[in-house]
Protein backbone atom coordinates (compact mmCIF):
# COMPACT_ATOMS: atom_id res chain seq x y z
CA UNK A 1 -11.13 -2.33 27.75
CA UNK A 2 -9.92 1.23 27.14
CA UNK A 3 -9.42 0.90 23.38
CA UNK A 4 -12.43 2.29 21.44
CA UNK A 5 -14.27 -0.56 19.73
CA UNK A 6 -14.85 1.31 16.44
CA UNK A 7 -11.07 1.53 15.93
CA UNK A 8 -10.39 -2.07 16.90
CA UNK A 9 -10.25 -3.30 13.34
CA UNK A 10 -7.26 -4.10 11.19
CA UNK A 11 -7.96 -1.34 8.65
CA UNK A 12 -7.88 1.41 11.33
CA UNK A 13 -4.71 -0.05 12.82
CA UNK A 14 -3.12 -0.16 9.34
CA UNK A 15 -3.94 3.51 8.73
CA UNK A 16 -2.56 4.47 12.14
CA UNK A 17 0.61 2.50 11.44
CA UNK A 18 0.98 4.36 8.14
CA UNK A 19 0.68 7.75 9.85
CA UNK A 20 3.26 6.93 12.51
CA UNK A 21 5.74 5.07 10.30
CA UNK A 22 5.81 7.68 7.52
CA UNK A 23 5.59 10.54 10.05
CA UNK A 24 2.66 12.03 8.16
CA UNK A 25 1.33 15.40 9.12
CA UNK A 26 -2.49 15.58 8.75
CA UNK A 27 -2.19 19.22 7.67
CA UNK A 28 0.19 18.39 4.81
CA UNK A 29 -0.80 14.83 3.90
CA UNK A 30 -4.13 13.22 3.14
CA UNK A 31 -4.61 9.48 3.50
CA UNK A 32 -7.43 7.78 1.64
CA UNK A 33 -8.36 4.12 2.05
CA UNK A 34 -8.70 2.47 -1.36
CA UNK A 35 -9.49 -1.19 -0.77
CA UNK A 36 -8.56 -4.36 1.00
CA UNK A 37 -7.96 -7.75 -0.56
CA UNK A 38 -6.76 -11.20 0.34
CA UNK A 39 -3.30 -12.20 -0.83
CA UNK A 40 -2.44 -15.79 -1.53
CA UNK A 41 1.18 -16.24 -0.58
CA UNK A 42 2.96 -19.53 -1.22
CA UNK A 43 2.61 -20.68 2.38
CA UNK A 44 0.10 -18.40 4.17
CA UNK A 45 -2.91 -16.24 3.55
CA UNK A 46 -2.49 -12.56 4.19
CA UNK A 47 -4.78 -9.59 3.98
CA UNK A 48 -3.63 -6.35 2.36
CA UNK A 49 -4.90 -2.83 2.87
CA UNK A 50 -4.23 -0.23 0.18
CA UNK A 51 -4.02 3.48 0.91
CA UNK A 52 -3.45 6.51 -1.26
CA UNK A 53 -1.20 9.11 0.39
CA UNK A 54 -1.19 12.56 -1.15
CA UNK A 55 1.39 15.19 -0.27
CA UNK A 56 -0.43 18.52 -0.39
CA UNK A 57 2.79 20.50 -0.54
CA UNK A 58 2.40 23.56 -2.78
CA UNK A 59 5.52 22.74 -4.77
CA UNK A 60 4.67 19.19 -5.66
CA UNK A 61 1.62 17.01 -5.67
CA UNK A 62 2.95 13.50 -5.12
CA UNK A 63 0.55 10.62 -4.74
CA UNK A 64 1.75 7.21 -3.62
CA UNK A 65 -0.03 3.88 -3.17
CA UNK A 66 0.91 2.00 -0.01
CA UNK A 67 0.15 -1.63 0.73
CA UNK A 68 0.24 -3.06 4.24
CA UNK A 69 -0.10 -6.84 4.56
CA UNK A 70 -1.19 -8.58 7.75
CA UNK A 71 -1.78 -12.18 8.76
CA UNK A 72 -5.49 -12.90 8.50
CA UNK A 73 -5.76 -14.97 11.67
CA UNK A 74 -6.00 -12.15 14.21
CA UNK A 75 -5.71 -8.39 14.61
CA UNK A 76 -2.04 -7.43 14.62
CA UNK A 77 -0.46 -4.10 15.69
CA UNK A 78 2.19 -4.21 12.96
CA UNK A 79 2.06 -5.55 9.41
CA UNK A 80 4.44 -8.21 8.22
CA UNK A 81 4.98 -6.29 4.94
CA UNK A 82 4.83 -2.61 3.95
CA UNK A 83 5.86 -1.46 0.49
CA UNK A 84 7.96 1.66 -0.05
CA UNK A 85 5.15 3.55 -1.74
CA UNK A 86 4.31 3.09 -5.40
CA UNK A 87 4.18 6.47 -7.16
CA UNK A 88 0.89 7.00 -8.93
CA UNK A 89 1.89 8.50 -12.27
CA UNK A 90 -0.25 10.01 -15.00
CA UNK A 91 0.31 6.82 -17.00
CA UNK A 92 -1.27 4.48 -14.47
CA UNK A 93 -4.72 4.15 -13.00
CA UNK A 94 -5.28 3.37 -9.33
CA UNK A 95 -6.23 -0.21 -10.22
CA UNK A 96 -3.07 -0.70 -12.31
CA UNK A 97 -0.93 0.64 -9.46
CA UNK A 98 -2.60 -1.75 -7.01
CA UNK A 99 -1.95 -4.63 -9.42
CA UNK A 100 1.74 -3.69 -9.72
CA UNK A 101 2.05 -3.24 -5.94
CA UNK A 102 0.54 -6.70 -5.43
CA UNK A 103 2.90 -8.13 -8.04
CA UNK A 104 5.82 -6.55 -6.19
CA UNK A 105 4.59 -8.28 -2.99
CA UNK A 106 4.30 -11.63 -4.73
CA UNK A 107 7.83 -11.33 -6.16
CA UNK A 108 9.50 -10.28 -2.91
CA UNK A 109 12.46 -12.37 -1.84
CA UNK A 110 13.15 -13.60 -5.35
CA UNK A 111 16.50 -12.67 -6.89
CA UNK A 112 16.32 -10.08 -9.68
CA UNK A 113 12.53 -9.94 -9.57
CA UNK A 114 11.48 -6.44 -10.63
CA UNK A 115 8.08 -5.03 -11.39
CA UNK A 116 7.91 -3.68 -14.93
CA UNK A 117 5.70 -0.78 -16.01
CA UNK A 118 5.29 -1.28 -19.79
CA UNK A 119 3.73 2.17 -20.33
CA UNK A 120 7.01 3.82 -19.37
CA UNK A 121 8.86 2.00 -22.14
CA UNK A 122 7.04 2.95 -25.33
CA UNK A 123 9.02 0.70 -27.66
CA UNK A 124 8.11 -2.40 -25.64
CA UNK A 125 4.33 -1.96 -25.47
CA UNK A 126 1.95 -4.02 -27.57
């Protein structure tokens, strides 16, 4: 077996997939693992890995939360779901962004199902 055993875990494969799919440059971008959690889909159990990707460009300092979901049965080279990157704003904490990203995953495939961020709409907050 030529594949190093310490990298033969789903989390490392998820991070590698993120680097290659987003074409991240290690000199410009930093990727930080946040957490993993089980997702209860309507018909299968999946496991999600959350990463924070920071663009260290001098002109902007964008931070996005990415979720990659895999089947929990075995180690897979590609996830069955990757979100488009949830922008971490000053109004949201990391935990709130993860919650909204998970909600977006749970609502996928449903017509007109959008994730709402109440803090962005001041007149609608409690």
